[in-house]
Amino acid sequence: MSQTTLHEVAIGYLLTHQAEHLTHDRQYLIERCAAHLQAQGATVERANIVALQALGELDTRATKAHIELTHCTSFAVFVVDPVTRARIAFTAADLIRLARDYATRTDTVVTRH
């Protein structure tokens, strides 16, 4: 299955099932979406990545926030604030700290590849 088609399948799955889980158990929704993608023939790693990419897209549609890819490197990510249009830079170390803090506060399991 092509990357675009797999992404579309993930978006469709999330749109259909997000009301069941998204507000209460985001991790479970991601796991279920990834399992659905695996049933479509995706590898475990690919299914997890595509599920997270699709969730990221849906999560930011309402805010219009986005990552400015032209400025990103392997070590820094630039996010554009949709209200102020300001660029906010996060280093890889910043993102790891944020992810660990978020996982601790929400009892979220961080996926490994």
N, C-alpha and C. Protein backbone atom coordinates (compact mmCIF):
# COMPACT_ATOMS: atom_id res chain seq x y z
N MET A 1 0.86 -1.17 0.00
CA MET A 1 0.00 0.00 0.00
C MET A 1 0.90 1.24 0.00
N SER A 2 0.56 2.23 -0.80
CA SER A 2 1.40 3.43 -0.90
C SER A 2 1.30 4.26 0.38
N GLN A 3 2.29 5.12 0.57
CA GLN A 3 2.33 6.00 1.74
C GLN A 3 1.08 6.87 1.82
N THR A 4 0.67 7.44 0.67
CA THR A 4 -0.50 8.31 0.65
C THR A 4 -1.75 7.53 1.03
N THR A 5 -1.92 6.37 0.47
CA THR A 5 -3.10 5.55 0.77
C THR A 5 -3.10 5.14 2.23
N LEU A 6 -1.95 4.73 2.77
CA LEU A 6 -1.87 4.34 4.17
C LEU A 6 -2.23 5.52 5.07
N HIS A 7 -1.76 6.70 4.72
CA HIS A 7 -2.07 7.90 5.49
C HIS A 7 -3.58 8.17 5.45
N GLU A 8 -4.17 8.04 4.27
CA GLU A 8 -5.62 8.25 4.13
C GLU A 8 -6.41 7.24 4.96
N VAL A 9 -5.94 5.99 4.99
CA VAL A 9 -6.59 4.97 5.81
C VAL A 9 -6.52 5.36 7.28
N ALA A 10 -5.35 5.84 7.71
CA ALA A 10 -5.17 6.25 9.11
C ALA A 10 -6.07 7.43 9.45
N ILE A 11 -6.13 8.43 8.57
CA ILE A 11 -7.01 9.58 8.80
C ILE A 11 -8.46 9.12 8.92
N GLY A 12 -8.89 8.26 8.01
CA GLY A 12 -10.25 7.75 8.05
C GLY A 12 -10.55 7.00 9.33
N TYR A 13 -9.60 6.17 9.76
CA TYR A 13 -9.78 5.41 10.99
C TYR A 13 -9.91 6.35 12.19
N LEU A 14 -9.01 7.32 12.27
CA LEU A 14 -9.03 8.25 13.39
C LEU A 14 -10.31 9.08 13.42
N LEU A 15 -10.74 9.55 12.27
CA LEU A 15 -11.97 10.33 12.22
C LEU A 15 -13.18 9.50 12.66
N THR A 16 -13.16 8.24 12.31
CA THR A 16 -14.27 7.35 12.68
C THR A 16 -14.26 7.02 14.17
N HIS A 17 -13.07 6.87 14.75
CA HIS A 17 -12.98 6.36 16.12
C HIS A 17 -12.53 7.36 17.18
N GLN A 18 -12.17 8.59 16.79
CA GLN A 18 -11.60 9.51 17.77
C GLN A 18 -12.58 9.86 18.89
N ALA A 19 -13.84 9.94 18.61
CA ALA A 19 -14.81 10.28 19.65
C ALA A 19 -14.85 9.21 20.73
N GLU A 20 -14.49 7.99 20.37
CA GLU A 20 -14.49 6.89 21.33
C GLU A 20 -13.33 7.00 22.32
N HIS A 21 -12.20 7.56 21.87
CA HIS A 21 -10.99 7.47 22.69
C HIS A 21 -10.17 8.74 22.84
N LEU A 22 -10.19 9.63 21.86
CA LEU A 22 -9.21 10.70 21.81
C LEU A 22 -9.18 11.55 23.07
N THR A 23 -10.32 11.93 23.59
CA THR A 23 -10.30 12.80 24.75
C THR A 23 -9.93 12.05 26.02
N HIS A 24 -10.12 10.76 26.04
CA HIS A 24 -9.87 9.99 27.26
C HIS A 24 -8.58 9.19 27.20
N ASP A 25 -8.27 8.60 26.07
CA ASP A 25 -7.11 7.72 25.99
C ASP A 25 -6.47 7.80 24.60
N ARG A 26 -5.70 8.81 24.41
CA ARG A 26 -5.04 9.06 23.12
C ARG A 26 -4.11 7.91 22.75
N GLN A 27 -3.39 7.39 23.72
CA GLN A 27 -2.45 6.29 23.47
C GLN A 27 -3.18 5.07 22.92
N TYR A 28 -4.34 4.76 23.49
CA TYR A 28 -5.12 3.62 23.03
C TYR A 28 -5.60 3.83 21.60
N LEU A 29 -6.01 5.05 21.26
CA LEU A 29 -6.44 5.37 19.91
C LEU A 29 -5.30 5.15 18.92
N ILE A 30 -4.10 5.59 19.27
CA ILE A 30 -2.93 5.40 18.41
C ILE A 30 -2.65 3.92 18.23
N GLU A 31 -2.70 3.16 19.32
CA GLU A 31 -2.44 1.72 19.24
C GLU A 31 -3.46 1.02 18.36
N ARG A 32 -4.73 1.39 18.50
CA ARG A 32 -5.77 0.77 17.68
C ARG A 32 -5.61 1.14 16.21
N CYS A 33 -5.27 2.39 15.94
CA CYS A 33 -5.06 2.82 14.57
C CYS A 33 -3.87 2.06 13.96
N ALA A 34 -2.79 1.95 14.71
CA ALA A 34 -1.61 1.22 14.22
C ALA A 34 -1.95 -0.24 13.95
N ALA A 35 -2.73 -0.86 14.83
CA ALA A 35 -3.14 -2.25 14.61
C ALA A 35 -3.98 -2.37 13.33
N HIS A 36 -4.84 -1.39 13.10
CA HIS A 36 -5.65 -1.38 11.88
C HIS A 36 -4.76 -1.27 10.64
N LEU A 37 -3.73 -0.43 10.71
CA LEU A 37 -2.81 -0.27 9.58
C LEU A 37 -1.99 -1.54 9.36
N GLN A 38 -1.63 -2.22 10.44
CA GLN A 38 -0.91 -3.49 10.31
C GLN A 38 -1.79 -4.53 9.62
N ALA A 39 -3.07 -4.52 9.93
CA ALA A 39 -4.01 -5.45 9.28
C ALA A 39 -4.11 -5.16 7.78
N GLN A 40 -3.76 -3.91 7.39
CA GLN A 40 -3.77 -3.53 5.97
C GLN A 40 -2.44 -3.86 5.30
N GLY A 41 -1.48 -4.41 6.07
CA GLY A 41 -0.20 -4.83 5.50
C GLY A 41 1.00 -4.00 5.89
N ALA A 42 0.82 -2.98 6.72
CA ALA A 42 1.95 -2.16 7.14
C ALA A 42 2.77 -2.88 8.21
N THR A 43 4.07 -2.60 8.23
CA THR A 43 4.90 -3.15 9.30
C THR A 43 4.55 -2.44 10.60
N VAL A 44 4.97 -3.00 11.72
CA VAL A 44 4.70 -2.39 13.03
C VAL A 44 5.26 -0.98 13.08
N GLU A 45 6.51 -0.81 12.67
CA GLU A 45 7.15 0.51 12.72
C GLU A 45 6.43 1.50 11.82
N ARG A 46 6.14 1.11 10.58
CA ARG A 46 5.45 2.01 9.63
C ARG A 46 4.07 2.37 10.14
N ALA A 47 3.35 1.40 10.69
CA ALA A 47 1.99 1.64 11.19
C ALA A 47 2.02 2.65 12.34
N ASN A 48 2.98 2.53 13.25
CA ASN A 48 3.09 3.47 14.37
C ASN A 48 3.39 4.88 13.87
N ILE A 49 4.30 4.99 12.92
CA ILE A 49 4.67 6.31 12.39
C ILE A 49 3.49 6.95 11.68
N VAL A 50 2.83 6.20 10.81
CA VAL A 50 1.71 6.77 10.05
C VAL A 50 0.55 7.13 10.98
N ALA A 51 0.29 6.32 12.00
CA ALA A 51 -0.78 6.64 12.96
C ALA A 51 -0.47 7.94 13.69
N LEU A 52 0.77 8.14 14.11
CA LEU A 52 1.16 9.37 14.78
C LEU A 52 1.12 10.57 13.85
N GLN A 53 1.55 10.39 12.60
CA GLN A 53 1.49 11.49 11.63
C GLN A 53 0.03 11.90 11.39
N ALA A 54 -0.85 10.93 11.25
CA ALA A 54 -2.27 11.23 11.01
C ALA A 54 -2.88 11.92 12.21
N LEU A 55 -2.56 11.46 13.41
CA LEU A 55 -3.08 12.10 14.61
C LEU A 55 -2.56 13.53 14.71
N GLY A 56 -1.30 13.73 14.39
CA GLY A 56 -0.73 15.07 14.40
C GLY A 56 -1.45 16.00 13.44
N GLU A 57 -1.77 15.48 12.26
CA GLU A 57 -2.49 16.30 11.28
C GLU A 57 -3.87 16.68 11.79
N LEU A 58 -4.60 15.71 12.30
CA LEU A 58 -5.95 15.99 12.80
C LEU A 58 -5.92 16.91 14.02
N ASP A 59 -4.93 16.72 14.86
CA ASP A 59 -4.83 17.49 16.10
C ASP A 59 -4.57 18.97 15.83
N THR A 60 -3.88 19.28 14.74
CA THR A 60 -3.55 20.68 14.47
C THR A 60 -4.45 21.35 13.44
N ARG A 61 -5.34 20.60 12.82
CA ARG A 61 -6.23 21.20 11.81
C ARG A 61 -7.01 22.39 12.36
N ALA A 62 -7.50 22.28 13.55
CA ALA A 62 -8.33 23.34 14.13
C ALA A 62 -7.51 24.56 14.53
N THR A 63 -6.27 24.39 14.88
CA THR A 63 -5.45 25.51 15.35
C THR A 63 -4.67 26.20 14.26
N LYS A 64 -4.45 25.52 13.16
CA LYS A 64 -3.65 26.03 12.04
C LYS A 64 -2.17 26.18 12.41
N ALA A 65 -1.77 25.62 13.54
CA ALA A 65 -0.35 25.60 13.88
C ALA A 65 0.35 24.65 12.91
N HIS A 66 1.61 24.93 12.63
CA HIS A 66 2.33 24.04 11.74
C HIS A 66 3.83 24.10 12.00
N ILE A 67 4.51 23.07 11.54
CA ILE A 67 5.96 23.01 11.63
C ILE A 67 6.52 23.56 10.33
N GLU A 68 7.46 24.45 10.45
CA GLU A 68 8.07 25.08 9.28
C GLU A 68 9.25 24.22 8.83
N LEU A 69 9.00 23.30 7.92
CA LEU A 69 9.99 22.31 7.52
C LEU A 69 11.23 22.90 6.86
N THR A 70 11.09 24.04 6.20
CA THR A 70 12.24 24.62 5.50
C THR A 70 13.36 25.04 6.44
N HIS A 71 13.03 25.26 7.71
CA HIS A 71 14.05 25.68 8.68
C HIS A 71 14.49 24.55 9.62
N CYS A 72 13.79 23.43 9.60
CA CYS A 72 14.09 22.34 10.53
C CYS A 72 15.35 21.58 10.13
N THR A 73 16.01 21.07 11.14
CA THR A 73 17.15 20.17 10.94
C THR A 73 16.90 18.94 11.81
N SER A 74 17.84 18.05 11.86
CA SER A 74 17.73 16.89 12.73
C SER A 74 17.79 17.28 14.20
N PHE A 75 18.20 18.50 14.48
CA PHE A 75 18.41 18.94 15.85
C PHE A 75 17.49 20.05 16.32
N ALA A 76 16.76 20.69 15.40
CA ALA A 76 15.88 21.79 15.77
C ALA A 76 14.61 21.77 14.91
N VAL A 77 13.48 22.00 15.57
CA VAL A 77 12.18 22.04 14.90
C VAL A 77 11.59 23.43 15.14
N PHE A 78 11.06 24.03 14.09
CA PHE A 78 10.45 25.36 14.19
C PHE A 78 8.94 25.23 14.02
N VAL A 79 8.20 25.70 15.02
CA VAL A 79 6.75 25.68 15.00
C VAL A 79 6.27 27.12 14.86
N VAL A 80 5.28 27.32 13.99
CA VAL A 80 4.73 28.66 13.79
C VAL A 80 3.45 28.80 14.60
N ASP A 81 3.44 29.79 15.50
CA ASP A 81 2.27 30.09 16.30
C ASP A 81 1.22 30.69 15.38
N PRO A 82 0.03 30.10 15.30
CA PRO A 82 -0.98 30.59 14.36
C PRO A 82 -1.56 31.95 14.72
N VAL A 83 -1.45 32.36 15.96
CA VAL A 83 -2.01 33.65 16.38
C VAL A 83 -1.01 34.78 16.15
N THR A 84 0.20 34.60 16.64
CA THR A 84 1.19 35.67 16.54
C THR A 84 2.08 35.55 15.30
N ARG A 85 2.05 34.38 14.65
CA ARG A 85 2.90 34.07 13.50
C ARG A 85 4.38 33.99 13.89
N ALA A 86 4.66 33.96 15.18
CA ALA A 86 6.04 33.85 15.65
C ALA A 86 6.55 32.43 15.47
N ARG A 87 7.84 32.31 15.17
CA ARG A 87 8.50 31.01 15.09
C ARG A 87 8.99 30.63 16.47
N ILE A 88 8.68 29.43 16.87
CA ILE A 88 9.15 28.92 18.15
C ILE A 88 10.07 27.74 17.85
N ALA A 89 11.30 27.79 18.33
CA ALA A 89 12.27 26.74 18.05
C ALA A 89 12.37 25.78 19.23
N PHE A 90 12.40 24.51 18.92
CA PHE A 90 12.62 23.46 19.91
C PHE A 90 13.81 22.64 19.46
N THR A 91 14.77 22.44 20.35
CA THR A 91 15.88 21.55 20.04
C THR A 91 15.42 20.12 20.30
N ALA A 92 16.19 19.17 19.82
CA ALA A 92 15.87 17.76 20.07
C ALA A 92 15.83 17.49 21.57
N ALA A 93 16.74 18.11 22.32
CA ALA A 93 16.75 17.94 23.78
C ALA A 93 15.48 18.51 24.41
N ASP A 94 15.02 19.68 23.91
CA ASP A 94 13.76 20.26 24.40
C ASP A 94 12.61 19.29 24.19
N LEU A 95 12.55 18.71 22.99
CA LEU A 95 11.44 17.80 22.66
C LEU A 95 11.46 16.54 23.52
N ILE A 96 12.64 16.02 23.79
CA ILE A 96 12.75 14.84 24.67
C ILE A 96 12.24 15.18 26.06
N ARG A 97 12.65 16.34 26.59
CA ARG A 97 12.17 16.75 27.91
C ARG A 97 10.66 16.92 27.92
N LEU A 98 10.11 17.57 26.90
CA LEU A 98 8.66 17.76 26.81
C LEU A 98 7.93 16.42 26.72
N ALA A 99 8.46 15.51 25.92
CA ALA A 99 7.82 14.20 25.76
C ALA A 99 7.84 13.41 27.07
N ARG A 100 8.96 13.46 27.77
CA ARG A 100 9.04 12.75 29.05
C ARG A 100 8.11 13.36 30.08
N ASP A 101 8.07 14.70 30.13
CA ASP A 101 7.15 15.38 31.05
C ASP A 101 5.70 15.03 30.73
N TYR A 102 5.36 15.06 29.44
CA TYR A 102 3.99 14.74 29.01
C TYR A 102 3.65 13.29 29.36
N ALA A 103 4.58 12.38 29.09
CA ALA A 103 4.33 10.96 29.39
C ALA A 103 4.13 10.74 30.88
N THR A 104 4.89 11.44 31.69
CA THR A 104 4.77 11.31 33.15
C THR A 104 3.43 11.85 33.63
N ARG A 105 3.04 13.02 33.12
CA ARG A 105 1.77 13.65 33.55
C ARG A 105 0.55 12.89 33.08
N THR A 106 0.62 12.29 31.91
CA THR A 106 -0.56 11.65 31.33
C THR A 106 -0.52 10.13 31.39
N ASP A 107 0.54 9.59 31.97
CA ASP A 107 0.71 8.14 32.05
C ASP A 107 0.70 7.52 30.65
N THR A 108 1.35 8.22 29.70
CA THR A 108 1.43 7.78 28.31
C THR A 108 2.66 6.94 28.12
N VAL A 109 2.53 5.90 27.32
CA VAL A 109 3.67 5.06 26.97
C VAL A 109 4.29 5.64 25.71
N VAL A 110 5.58 5.87 25.75
CA VAL A 110 6.30 6.37 24.58
C VAL A 110 6.66 5.16 23.73
N THR A 111 6.28 5.20 22.45
CA THR A 111 6.55 4.05 21.57
C THR A 111 8.01 4.01 21.19
N ARG A 112 8.50 2.82 21.01
CA ARG A 112 9.89 2.61 20.57
C ARG A 112 9.86 1.95 19.21
N HIS A 113 10.91 2.17 18.45
CA HIS A 113 10.96 1.50 17.14
C HIS A 113 12.07 0.51 17.10
